[in-house]
Amino acid sequence: MVTIENQEQYLQSIKKIKQVEDKTQKEIDNYKKEFEIKIKKLELDLETAIIDAKAKGEKLVDTSIEKAREIANNETSKFIEDAKTKAENIVSEIHAQNNQKIIDILLKGVK
C-alpha cells in the first residue's frame, strides 16, 4: 500500500524534476539567445567586411584605371613629340633639298 509519506516523496521528486527541467530549459534558452546574438554580430561583421572589401576593390580599380590613363597619356605625348621631331627633320631635309635645287637652277641661269 502506498502511504502518504511515499506519495509526498513522489510529489517532491516530481517537483524537483520539474524544477531541474525548468532550470535546464532556461539555460538552454539563454544559450540560444546568446548564440543568436553572436550569429547576428558575425553576420553584421561579415556584411561590413564585404562592404569594405567592395569599396577597397572599387578604389583599387579606379586607381588602376587612373594610372593606366596617365601611362597612356604619357606614351601618347612621347609618340606625338617623336612624330613632330621626325616631321620637322623631314621638312628640314625637304627644304634643304629644295633650296639646293633652287640654287642649282639659279646657278644654271647665271652660267
PDB file of N, CA and C in Angstrom:
ATOM      1  N   MET A   1       0.809  -1.155   0.000  1.00  0.00           N
ATOM      2  CA  MET A   1       0.000   0.000   0.000  1.00  0.00           C
ATOM      3  C   MET A   1       0.881   1.257   0.000  1.00  0.00           C
ATOM      4  N   VAL A   2       0.390   2.205  -0.718  1.00  0.00           N
ATOM      5  CA  VAL A   2       1.161   3.421  -0.838  1.00  0.00           C
ATOM      6  C   VAL A   2       0.741   4.318   0.314  1.00  0.00           C
ATOM      7  N   THR A   3       1.765   4.745   0.973  1.00  0.00           N
ATOM      8  CA  THR A   3       1.466   5.602   2.112  1.00  0.00           C
ATOM      9  C   THR A   3       1.534   7.053   1.695  1.00  0.00           C
ATOM     10  N   ILE A   4       0.996   7.887   2.558  1.00  0.00           N
ATOM     11  CA  ILE A   4       1.001   9.320   2.292  1.00  0.00           C
ATOM     12  C   ILE A   4       2.429   9.819   2.243  1.00  0.00           C
ATOM     13  N   GLU A   5       3.251   9.309   3.051  1.00  0.00           N
ATOM     14  CA  GLU A   5       4.669   9.739   3.047  1.00  0.00           C
ATOM     15  C   GLU A   5       5.326   9.397   1.722  1.00  0.00           C
ATOM     16  N   ASN A   6       5.058   8.231   1.202  1.00  0.00           N
ATOM     17  CA  ASN A   6       5.607   7.837  -0.096  1.00  0.00           C
ATOM     18  C   ASN A   6       5.059   8.738  -1.208  1.00  0.00           C
ATOM     19  N   GLN A   7       3.769   9.066  -1.099  1.00  0.00           N
ATOM     20  CA  GLN A   7       3.170   9.954  -2.085  1.00  0.00           C
ATOM     21  C   GLN A   7       3.830  11.336  -2.030  1.00  0.00           C
ATOM     22  N   GLU A   8       4.075  11.803  -0.838  1.00  0.00           N
ATOM     23  CA  GLU A   8       4.726  13.108  -0.663  1.00  0.00           C
ATOM     24  C   GLU A   8       6.141  13.074  -1.255  1.00  0.00           C
ATOM     25  N   GLN A   9       6.845  11.999  -1.006  1.00  0.00           N
ATOM     26  CA  GLN A   9       8.205  11.854  -1.559  1.00  0.00           C
ATOM     27  C   GLN A   9       8.139  11.826  -3.087  1.00  0.00           C
ATOM     28  N   TYR A  10       7.141  11.111  -3.599  1.00  0.00           N
ATOM     29  CA  TYR A  10       6.962  11.042  -5.043  1.00  0.00           C
ATOM     30  C   TYR A  10       6.660  12.432  -5.613  1.00  0.00           C
ATOM     31  N   LEU A  11       5.774  13.152  -4.980  1.00  0.00           N
ATOM     32  CA  LEU A  11       5.433  14.505  -5.430  1.00  0.00           C
ATOM     33  C   LEU A  11       6.639  15.433  -5.324  1.00  0.00           C
ATOM     34  N   GLN A  12       7.388  15.302  -4.261  1.00  0.00           N
ATOM     35  CA  GLN A  12       8.592  16.124  -4.098  1.00  0.00           C
ATOM     36  C   GLN A  12       9.617  15.797  -5.201  1.00  0.00           C
ATOM     37  N   SER A  13       9.753  14.552  -5.520  1.00  0.00           N
ATOM     38  CA  SER A  13      10.664  14.130  -6.586  1.00  0.00           C
ATOM     39  C   SER A  13      10.224  14.709  -7.927  1.00  0.00           C
ATOM     40  N   ILE A  14       8.917  14.648  -8.190  1.00  0.00           N
ATOM     41  CA  ILE A  14       8.396  15.190  -9.435  1.00  0.00           C
ATOM     42  C   ILE A  14       8.622  16.701  -9.479  1.00  0.00           C
ATOM     43  N   LYS A  15       8.409  17.407  -8.352  1.00  0.00           N
ATOM     44  CA  LYS A  15       8.633  18.849  -8.302  1.00  0.00           C
ATOM     45  C   LYS A  15      10.102  19.168  -8.564  1.00  0.00           C
ATOM     46  N   LYS A  16      10.981  18.374  -7.969  1.00  0.00           N
ATOM     47  CA  LYS A  16      12.419  18.594  -8.183  1.00  0.00           C
ATOM     48  C   LYS A  16      12.787  18.359  -9.655  1.00  0.00           C
ATOM     49  N   ILE A  17      12.232  17.304 -10.224  1.00  0.00           N
ATOM     50  CA  ILE A  17      12.487  17.013 -11.645  1.00  0.00           C
ATOM     51  C   ILE A  17      11.982  18.168 -12.500  1.00  0.00           C
ATOM     52  N   LYS A  18      10.780  18.668 -12.180  1.00  0.00           N
ATOM     53  CA  LYS A  18      10.216  19.788 -12.925  1.00  0.00           C
ATOM     54  C   LYS A  18      11.092  21.032 -12.762  1.00  0.00           C
ATOM     55  N   GLN A  19      11.585  21.280 -11.544  1.00  0.00           N
ATOM     56  CA  GLN A  19      12.462  22.426 -11.308  1.00  0.00           C
ATOM     57  C   GLN A  19      13.749  22.301 -12.125  1.00  0.00           C
ATOM     58  N   VAL A  20      14.311  21.096 -12.138  1.00  0.00           N
ATOM     59  CA  VAL A  20      15.539  20.863 -12.899  1.00  0.00           C
ATOM     60  C   VAL A  20      15.261  21.045 -14.387  1.00  0.00           C
ATOM     61  N   GLU A  21      14.123  20.528 -14.856  1.00  0.00           N
ATOM     62  CA  GLU A  21      13.748  20.704 -16.260  1.00  0.00           C
ATOM     63  C   GLU A  21      13.589  22.186 -16.597  1.00  0.00           C
ATOM     64  N   ASP A  22      12.893  22.927 -15.741  1.00  0.00           N
ATOM     65  CA  ASP A  22      12.696  24.361 -15.971  1.00  0.00           C
ATOM     66  C   ASP A  22      14.029  25.093 -15.970  1.00  0.00           C
ATOM     67  N   LYS A  23      14.881  24.763 -15.028  1.00  0.00           N
ATOM     68  CA  LYS A  23      16.199  25.411 -14.958  1.00  0.00           C
ATOM     69  C   LYS A  23      17.015  25.082 -16.209  1.00  0.00           C
ATOM     70  N   THR A  24      16.985  23.833 -16.617  1.00  0.00           N
ATOM     71  CA  THR A  24      17.719  23.407 -17.803  1.00  0.00           C
ATOM     72  C   THR A  24      17.167  24.108 -19.046  1.00  0.00           C
ATOM     73  N   GLN A  25      15.838  24.194 -19.149  1.00  0.00           N
ATOM     74  CA  GLN A  25      15.228  24.871 -20.299  1.00  0.00           C
ATOM     75  C   GLN A  25      15.608  26.344 -20.313  1.00  0.00           C
ATOM     76  N   LYS A  26      15.639  26.958 -19.141  1.00  0.00           N
ATOM     77  CA  LYS A  26      16.029  28.365 -19.050  1.00  0.00           C
ATOM     78  C   LYS A  26      17.482  28.548 -19.498  1.00  0.00           C
ATOM     79  N   GLU A  27      18.364  27.642 -19.070  1.00  0.00           N
ATOM     80  CA  GLU A  27      19.768  27.707 -19.504  1.00  0.00           C
ATOM     81  C   GLU A  27      19.876  27.516 -21.013  1.00  0.00           C
ATOM     82  N   ILE A  28      19.108  26.587 -21.544  1.00  0.00           N
ATOM     83  CA  ILE A  28      19.113  26.352 -22.995  1.00  0.00           C
ATOM     84  C   ILE A  28      18.645  27.603 -23.721  1.00  0.00           C
ATOM     85  N   ASP A  29      17.561  28.199 -23.232  1.00  0.00           N
ATOM     86  CA  ASP A  29      17.044  29.420 -23.858  1.00  0.00           C
ATOM     87  C   ASP A  29      18.061  30.550 -23.787  1.00  0.00           C
ATOM     88  N   ASN A  30      18.739  30.670 -22.650  1.00  0.00           N
ATOM     89  CA  ASN A  30      19.766  31.709 -22.509  1.00  0.00           C
ATOM     90  C   ASN A  30      20.925  31.476 -23.480  1.00  0.00           C
ATOM     91  N   TYR A  31      21.376  30.225 -23.589  1.00  0.00           N
ATOM     92  CA  TYR A  31      22.446  29.914 -24.545  1.00  0.00           C
ATOM     93  C   TYR A  31      21.992  30.191 -25.973  1.00  0.00           C
ATOM     94  N   LYS A  32      20.732  29.848 -26.259  1.00  0.00           N
ATOM     95  CA  LYS A  32      20.188  30.075 -27.591  1.00  0.00           C
ATOM     96  C   LYS A  32      20.196  31.570 -27.916  1.00  0.00           C
ATOM     97  N   LYS A  33      19.726  32.382 -26.962  1.00  0.00           N
ATOM     98  CA  LYS A  33      19.722  33.834 -27.170  1.00  0.00           C
ATOM     99  C   LYS A  33      21.142  34.353 -27.349  1.00  0.00           C
ATOM    100  N   GLU A  34      22.045  33.857 -26.525  1.00  0.00           N
ATOM    101  CA  GLU A  34      23.451  34.292 -26.605  1.00  0.00           C
ATOM    102  C   GLU A  34      24.045  33.962 -27.968  1.00  0.00           C
ATOM    103  N   PHE A  35      23.786  32.766 -28.460  1.00  0.00           N
ATOM    104  CA  PHE A  35      24.329  32.375 -29.762  1.00  0.00           C
ATOM    105  C   PHE A  35      23.641  33.102 -30.910  1.00  0.00           C
ATOM    106  N   GLU A  36      22.357  33.387 -30.757  1.00  0.00           N
ATOM    107  CA  GLU A  36      21.668  34.174 -31.779  1.00  0.00           C
ATOM    108  C   GLU A  36      22.274  35.565 -31.871  1.00  0.00           C
ATOM    109  N   ILE A  37      22.589  36.155 -30.714  1.00  0.00           N
ATOM    110  CA  ILE A  37      23.238  37.470 -30.696  1.00  0.00           C
ATOM    111  C   ILE A  37      24.614  37.385 -31.350  1.00  0.00           C
ATOM    112  N   LYS A  38      25.368  36.346 -31.012  1.00  0.00           N
ATOM    113  CA  LYS A  38      26.699  36.174 -31.615  1.00  0.00           C
ATOM    114  C   LYS A  38      26.594  35.983 -33.126  1.00  0.00           C
ATOM    115  N   ILE A  39      25.618  35.205 -33.560  1.00  0.00           N
ATOM    116  CA  ILE A  39      25.427  34.967 -35.000  1.00  0.00           C
ATOM    117  C   ILE A  39      25.073  36.270 -35.702  1.00  0.00           C
ATOM    118  N   LYS A  40      24.174  37.064 -35.104  1.00  0.00           N
ATOM    119  CA  LYS A  40      23.807  38.346 -35.702  1.00  0.00           C
ATOM    120  C   LYS A  40      25.016  39.263 -35.788  1.00  0.00           C
ATOM    121  N   LYS A  41      25.837  39.268 -34.733  1.00  0.00           N
ATOM    122  CA  LYS A  41      27.045  40.096 -34.741  1.00  0.00           C
ATOM    123  C   LYS A  41      27.999  39.631 -35.841  1.00  0.00           C
ATOM    124  N   LEU A  42      28.164  38.323 -35.972  1.00  0.00           N
ATOM    125  CA  LEU A  42      29.024  37.793 -37.034  1.00  0.00           C
ATOM    126  C   LEU A  42      28.480  38.157 -38.416  1.00  0.00           C
ATOM    127  N   GLU A  43      27.164  38.093 -38.578  1.00  0.00           N
ATOM    128  CA  GLU A  43      26.559  38.459 -39.860  1.00  0.00           C
ATOM    129  C   GLU A  43      26.807  39.933 -40.164  1.00  0.00           C
ATOM    130  N   LEU A  44      26.657  40.788 -39.144  1.00  0.00           N
ATOM    131  CA  LEU A  44      26.923  42.218 -39.336  1.00  0.00           C
ATOM    132  C   LEU A  44      28.393  42.456 -39.657  1.00  0.00           C
ATOM    133  N   ASP A  45      29.263  41.763 -38.925  1.00  0.00           N
ATOM    134  CA  ASP A  45      30.699  41.897 -39.194  1.00  0.00           C
ATOM    135  C   ASP A  45      31.027  41.442 -40.613  1.00  0.00           C
ATOM    136  N   LEU A  46      30.409  40.346 -41.034  1.00  0.00           N
ATOM    137  CA  LEU A  46      30.634  39.832 -42.388  1.00  0.00           C
ATOM    138  C   LEU A  46      30.125  40.822 -43.427  1.00  0.00           C
ATOM    139  N   GLU A  47      28.944  41.378 -43.185  1.00  0.00           N
ATOM    140  CA  GLU A  47      28.382  42.358 -44.119  1.00  0.00           C
ATOM    141  C   GLU A  47      29.283  43.590 -44.204  1.00  0.00           C
ATOM    142  N   THR A  48      29.768  44.039 -43.058  1.00  0.00           N
ATOM    143  CA  THR A  48      30.679  45.188 -43.039  1.00  0.00           C
ATOM    144  C   THR A  48      31.971  44.860 -43.776  1.00  0.00           C
ATOM    145  N   ALA A  49      32.499  43.668 -43.568  1.00  0.00           N
ATOM    146  CA  ALA A  49      33.728  43.258 -44.250  1.00  0.00           C
ATOM    147  C   ALA A  49      33.510  43.202 -45.764  1.00  0.00           C
ATOM    148  N   ILE A  50      32.352  42.727 -46.184  1.00  0.00           N
ATOM    149  CA  ILE A  50      32.049  42.654 -47.616  1.00  0.00           C
ATOM    150  C   ILE A  50      31.951  44.060 -48.207  1.00  0.00           C
ATOM    151  N   ILE A  51      31.278  44.954 -47.498  1.00  0.00           N
ATOM    152  CA  ILE A  51      31.146  46.338 -47.979  1.00  0.00           C
ATOM    153  C   ILE A  51      32.519  46.991 -48.057  1.00  0.00           C
ATOM    154  N   ASP A  52      33.345  46.788 -47.015  1.00  0.00           N
ATOM    155  CA  ASP A  52      34.699  47.358 -47.026  1.00  0.00           C
ATOM    156  C   ASP A  52      35.530  46.794 -48.169  1.00  0.00           C
ATOM    157  N   ALA A  53      35.450  45.476 -48.363  1.00  0.00           N
ATOM    158  CA  ALA A  53      36.219  44.838 -49.439  1.00  0.00           C
ATOM    159  C   ALA A  53      35.761  45.359 -50.798  1.00  0.00           C
ATOM    160  N   LYS A  54      34.457  45.530 -50.959  1.00  0.00           N
ATOM    161  CA  LYS A  54      33.933  46.052 -52.224  1.00  0.00           C
ATOM    162  C   LYS A  54      34.448  47.470 -52.466  1.00  0.00           C
ATOM    163  N   ALA A  55      34.399  48.303 -51.419  1.00  0.00           N
ATOM    164  CA  ALA A  55      34.875  49.687 -51.558  1.00  0.00           C
ATOM    165  C   ALA A  55      36.364  49.718 -51.887  1.00  0.00           C
ATOM    166  N   LYS A  56      37.148  48.878 -51.203  1.00  0.00           N
ATOM    167  CA  LYS A  56      38.588  48.826 -51.485  1.00  0.00           C
ATOM    168  C   LYS A  56      38.836  48.332 -52.903  1.00  0.00           C
ATOM    169  N   GLY A  57      38.071  47.336 -53.332  1.00  0.00           N
ATOM    170  CA  GLY A  57      38.213  46.816 -54.700  1.00  0.00           C
ATOM    171  C   GLY A  57      37.883  47.873 -55.740  1.00  0.00           C
ATOM    172  N   GLU A  58      36.795  48.609 -55.505  1.00  0.00           N
ATOM    173  CA  GLU A  58      36.422  49.671 -56.438  1.00  0.00           C
ATOM    174  C   GLU A  58      37.490  50.759 -56.470  1.00  0.00           C
ATOM    175  N   LYS A  59      38.019  51.084 -55.295  1.00  0.00           N
ATOM    176  CA  LYS A  59      39.063  52.106 -55.236  1.00  0.00           C
ATOM    177  C   LYS A  59      40.313  51.624 -55.981  1.00  0.00           C
ATOM    178  N   LEU A  60      40.647  50.347 -55.803  1.00  0.00           N
ATOM    179  CA  LEU A  60      41.803  49.786 -56.495  1.00  0.00           C
ATOM    180  C   LEU A  60      41.603  49.819 -58.007  1.00  0.00           C
ATOM    181  N   VAL A  61      40.406  49.485 -58.452  1.00  0.00           N
ATOM    182  CA  VAL A  61      40.107  49.530 -59.889  1.00  0.00           C
ATOM    183  C   VAL A  61      40.223  50.962 -60.402  1.00  0.00           C
ATOM    184  N   ASP A  62      39.636  51.908 -59.651  1.00  0.00           N
ATOM    185  CA  ASP A  62      39.711  53.317 -60.060  1.00  0.00           C
ATOM    186  C   ASP A  62      41.154  53.795 -60.124  1.00  0.00           C
ATOM    187  N   THR A  63      41.936  53.419 -59.123  1.00  0.00           N
ATOM    188  CA  THR A  63      43.349  53.811 -59.097  1.00  0.00           C
ATOM    189  C   THR A  63      44.100  53.195 -60.269  1.00  0.00           C
ATOM    190  N   SER A  64      43.834  51.933 -60.544  1.00  0.00           N
ATOM    191  CA  SER A  64      44.494  51.252 -61.664  1.00  0.00           C
ATOM    192  C   SER A  64      44.119  51.901 -62.992  1.00  0.00           C
ATOM    193  N   ILE A  65      42.861  52.245 -63.139  1.00  0.00           N
ATOM    194  CA  ILE A  65      42.416  52.902 -64.376  1.00  0.00           C
ATOM    195  C   ILE A  65      43.100  54.247 -64.523  1.00  0.00           C
ATOM    196  N   GLU A  66      43.171  55.005 -63.437  1.00  0.00           N
ATOM    197  CA  GLU A  66      43.806  56.328 -63.494  1.00  0.00           C
ATOM    198  C   GLU A  66      45.293  56.204 -63.838  1.00  0.00           C
ATOM    199  N   LYS A  67      45.972  55.227 -63.238  1.00  0.00           N
ATOM    200  CA  LYS A  67      47.391  55.016 -63.547  1.00  0.00           C
ATOM    201  C   LYS A  67      47.563  54.618 -65.013  1.00  0.00           C
ATOM    202  N   ALA A  68      46.693  53.726 -65.486  1.00  0.00           N
ATOM    203  CA  ALA A  68      46.770  53.304 -66.892  1.00  0.00           C
ATOM    204  C   ALA A  68      46.517  54.493 -67.813  1.00  0.00           C
ATOM    205  N   ARG A  69      45.575  55.349 -67.438  1.00  0.00           N
ATOM    206  CA  ARG A  69      45.276  56.537 -68.235  1.00  0.00           C
ATOM    207  C   ARG A  69      46.493  57.463 -68.278  1.00  0.00           C
ATOM    208  N   GLU A  70      47.137  57.656 -67.125  1.00  0.00           N
ATOM    209  CA  GLU A  70      48.336  58.510 -67.073  1.00  0.00           C
ATOM    210  C   GLU A  70      49.450  57.937 -67.940  1.00  0.00           C
ATOM    211  N   ILE A  71      49.671  56.640 -67.841  1.00  0.00           N
ATOM    212  CA  ILE A  71      50.713  55.992 -68.640  1.00  0.00           C
ATOM    213  C   ILE A  71      50.395  56.147 -70.127  1.00  0.00           C
ATOM    214  N   ALA A  72      49.130  55.906 -70.496  1.00  0.00           N
ATOM    215  CA  ALA A  72      48.727  56.033 -71.899  1.00  0.00           C
ATOM    216  C   ALA A  72      48.912  57.470 -72.385  1.00  0.00           C
ATOM    217  N   ASN A  73      48.544  58.445 -71.554  1.00  0.00           N
ATOM    218  CA  ASN A  73      48.717  59.850 -71.932  1.00  0.00           C
ATOM    219  C   ASN A  73      50.192  60.194 -72.103  1.00  0.00           C
ATOM    220  N   ASN A  74      51.022  59.714 -71.181  1.00  0.00           N
ATOM    221  CA  ASN A  74      52.469  59.967 -71.291  1.00  0.00           C
ATOM    222  C   ASN A  74      53.050  59.341 -72.553  1.00  0.00           C
ATOM    223  N   GLU A  75      52.662  58.096 -72.818  1.00  0.00           N
ATOM    224  CA  GLU A  75      53.171  57.422 -74.014  1.00  0.00           C
ATOM    225  C   GLU A  75      52.677  58.122 -75.276  1.00  0.00           C
ATOM    226  N   THR A  76      51.422  58.562 -75.254  1.00  0.00           N
ATOM    227  CA  THR A  76      50.869  59.277 -76.406  1.00  0.00           C
ATOM    228  C   THR A  76      51.619  60.588 -76.623  1.00  0.00           C
ATOM    229  N   SER A  77      51.875  61.294 -75.531  1.00  0.00           N
ATOM    230  CA  SER A  77      52.617  62.562 -75.638  1.00  0.00           C
ATOM    231  C   SER A  77      54.009  62.320 -76.213  1.00  0.00           C
ATOM    232  N   LYS A  78      54.672  61.280 -75.736  1.00  0.00           N
ATOM    233  CA  LYS A  78      56.011  60.949 -76.260  1.00  0.00           C
ATOM    234  C   LYS A  78      55.925  60.603 -77.748  1.00  0.00           C
ATOM    235  N   PHE A  79      54.916  59.821 -78.107  1.00  0.00           N
ATOM    236  CA  PHE A  79      54.741  59.433 -79.504  1.00  0.00           C
ATOM    237  C   PHE A  79      54.510  60.669 -80.372  1.00  0.00           C
ATOM    238  N   ILE A  80      53.664  61.578 -79.889  1.00  0.00           N
ATOM    239  CA  ILE A  80      53.383  62.810 -80.647  1.00  0.00           C
ATOM    240  C   ILE A  80      54.643  63.660 -80.768  1.00  0.00           C
ATOM    241  N   GLU A  81      55.412  63.786 -79.698  1.00  0.00           N
ATOM    242  CA  GLU A  81      56.650  64.566 -79.740  1.00  0.00           C
ATOM    243  C   GLU A  81      57.646  63.943 -80.718  1.00  0.00           C
ATOM    244  N   ASP A  82      57.762  62.610 -80.675  1.00  0.00           N
ATOM    245  CA  ASP A  82      58.647  61.924 -81.622  1.00  0.00           C
ATOM    246  C   ASP A  82      58.185  62.167 -83.058  1.00  0.00           C
ATOM    247  N   ALA A  83      56.871  62.103 -83.282  1.00  0.00           N
ATOM    248  CA  ALA A  83      56.336  62.325 -84.623  1.00  0.00           C
ATOM    249  C   ALA A  83      56.611  63.760 -85.078  1.00  0.00           C
ATOM    250  N   LYS A  84      56.452  64.734 -84.166  1.00  0.00           N
ATOM    251  CA  LYS A  84      56.735  66.128 -84.509  1.00  0.00           C
ATOM    252  C   LYS A  84      58.203  66.302 -84.876  1.00  0.00           C
ATOM    253  N   THR A  85      59.074  65.711 -84.065  1.00  0.00           N
ATOM    254  CA  THR A  85      60.508  65.815 -84.323  1.00  0.00           C
ATOM    255  C   THR A  85      60.855  65.201 -85.673  1.00  0.00           C
ATOM    256  N   LYS A  86      60.316  64.025 -85.946  1.00  0.00           N
ATOM    257  CA  LYS A  86      60.582  63.371 -87.226  1.00  0.00           C
ATOM    258  C   LYS A  86      60.020  64.202 -88.380  1.00  0.00           C
ATOM    259  N   ALA A  87      58.832  64.760 -88.187  1.00  0.00           N
ATOM    260  CA  ALA A  87      58.240  65.586 -89.246  1.00  0.00           C
ATOM    261  C   ALA A  87      59.093  66.828 -89.491  1.00  0.00           C
ATOM    262  N   GLU A  88      59.576  67.453 -88.418  1.00  0.00           N
ATOM    263  CA  GLU A  88      60.428  68.629 -88.574  1.00  0.00           C
ATOM    264  C   GLU A  88      61.723  68.265 -89.294  1.00  0.00           C
ATOM    265  N   ASN A  89      62.293  67.124 -88.959  1.00  0.00           N
ATOM    266  CA  ASN A  89      63.516  66.671 -89.626  1.00  0.00           C
ATOM    267  C   ASN A  89      63.269  66.422 -91.119  1.00  0.00           C
ATOM    268  N   ILE A  90      62.126  65.799 -91.410  1.00  0.00           N
ATOM    269  CA  ILE A  90      61.802  65.530 -92.809  1.00  0.00           C
ATOM    270  C   ILE A  90      61.591  66.841 -93.557  1.00  0.00           C
ATOM    271  N   VAL A  91      60.856  67.777 -92.933  1.00  0.00           N
ATOM    272  CA  VAL A  91      60.616  69.074 -93.563  1.00  0.00           C
ATOM    273  C   VAL A  91      61.935  69.799 -93.770  1.00  0.00           C
ATOM    274  N   SER A  92      62.825  69.731 -92.797  1.00  0.00           N
ATOM    275  CA  SER A  92      64.135  70.375 -92.939  1.00  0.00           C
ATOM    276  C   SER A  92      64.912  69.759 -94.080  1.00  0.00           C
ATOM    277  N   GLU A  93      64.845  68.447 -94.207  1.00  0.00           N
ATOM    278  CA  GLU A  93      65.533  67.759 -95.297  1.00  0.00           C
ATOM    279  C   GLU A  93      64.958  68.186 -96.639  1.00  0.00           C
ATOM    280  N   ILE A  94      63.621  68.232 -96.705  1.00  0.00           N
ATOM    281  CA  ILE A  94      62.970  68.628 -97.959  1.00  0.00           C
ATOM    282  C   ILE A  94      63.331  70.061 -98.294  1.00  0.00           C
ATOM    283  N   HIS A  95      63.318  70.957 -97.296  1.00  0.00           N
ATOM    284  CA  HIS A  95      63.689  72.349 -97.547  1.00  0.00           C
ATOM    285  C   HIS A  95      65.143  72.444 -98.007  1.00  0.00           C
ATOM    286  N   ALA A  96      65.998  71.663 -97.400  1.00  0.00           N
ATOM    287  CA  ALA A  96      67.406  71.688 -97.796  1.00  0.00           C
ATOM    288  C   ALA A  96      67.548  71.210 -99.236  1.00  0.00           C
ATOM    289  N   GLN A  97      66.811  70.141 -99.584  1.00  0.00           N
ATOM    290  CA  GLN A  97      66.869  69.631-100.952  1.00  0.00           C
ATOM    291  C   GLN A  97      66.290  70.651-101.935  1.00  0.00           C
ATOM    292  N   ASN A  98      65.159  71.247-101.552  1.00  0.00           N
ATOM    293  CA  ASN A  98      64.542  72.256-102.419  1.00  0.00           C
ATOM    294  C   ASN A  98      65.451  73.475-102.562  1.00  0.00           C
ATOM    295  N   ASN A  99      66.046  73.876-101.454  1.00  0.00           N
ATOM    296  CA  ASN A  99      66.973  75.014-101.509  1.00  0.00           C
ATOM    297  C   ASN A  99      68.136  74.711-102.453  1.00  0.00           C
ATOM    298  N   GLN A 100      68.642  73.496-102.375  1.00  0.00           N
ATOM    299  CA  GLN A 100      69.744  73.102-103.258  1.00  0.00           C
ATOM    300  C   GLN A 100      69.296  73.122-104.711  1.00  0.00           C
ATOM    301  N   LYS A 101      68.085  72.638-104.980  1.00  0.00           N
ATOM    302  CA  LYS A 101      67.573  72.641-106.350  1.00  0.00           C
ATOM    303  C   LYS A 101      67.419  74.073-106.848  1.00  0.00           C
ATOM    304  N   ILE A 102      66.887  74.952-105.975  1.00  0.00           N
ATOM    305  CA  ILE A 102      66.724  76.356-106.361  1.00  0.00           C
ATOM    306  C   ILE A 102      68.078  76.989-106.656  1.00  0.00           C
ATOM    307  N   ILE A 103      69.056  76.712-105.798  1.00  0.00           N
ATOM    308  CA  ILE A 103      70.411  77.259-106.014  1.00  0.00           C
ATOM    309  C   ILE A 103      70.976  76.727-107.320  1.00  0.00           C
ATOM    310  N   ASP A 104      70.795  75.436-107.577  1.00  0.00           N
ATOM    311  CA  ASP A 104      71.292  74.849-108.827  1.00  0.00           C
ATOM    312  C   ASP A 104      70.609  75.504-110.034  1.00  0.00           C
ATOM    313  N   ILE A 105      69.298  75.726-109.955  1.00  0.00           N
ATOM    314  CA  ILE A 105      68.589  76.365-111.059  1.00  0.00           C
ATOM    315  C   ILE A 105      69.099  77.796-111.262  1.00  0.00           C
ATOM    316  N   LEU A 106      69.284  78.513-110.181  1.00  0.00           N
ATOM    317  CA  LEU A 106      69.790  79.894-110.282  1.00  0.00           C
ATOM    318  C   LEU A 106      71.194  79.930-110.853  1.00  0.00           C
ATOM    319  N   LEU A 107      72.012  78.990-110.411  1.00  0.00           N
ATOM    320  CA  LEU A 107      73.390  78.936-110.922  1.00  0.00           C
ATOM    321  C   LEU A 107      73.399  78.567-112.408  1.00  0.00           C
ATOM    322  N   LYS A 108      72.501  77.712-112.829  1.00  0.00           N
ATOM    323  CA  LYS A 108      72.433  77.360-114.256  1.00  0.00           C
ATOM    324  C   LYS A 108      72.043  78.595-115.067  1.00  0.00           C
ATOM    325  N   GLY A 109      71.116  79.391-114.505  1.00  0.00           N
ATOM    326  CA  GLY A 109      70.660  80.569-115.195  1.00  0.00           C
ATOM    327  C   GLY A 109      71.781  81.621-115.294  1.00  0.00           C
ATOM    328  N   VAL A 110      72.716  81.646-114.358  1.00  0.00           N
ATOM    329  CA  VAL A 110      73.792  82.617-114.364  1.00  0.00           C
ATOM    330  C   VAL A 110      74.861  82.182-115.372  1.00  0.00           C
ATOM    331  N   LYS A 111      75.036  80.978-115.606  1.00  0.00           N
ATOM    332  CA  LYS A 111      76.078  80.469-116.475  1.00  0.00           C
ATOM    333  C   LYS A 111      75.806  80.735-117.875  1.00  0.00           C
TER     334      LYS A 111
END
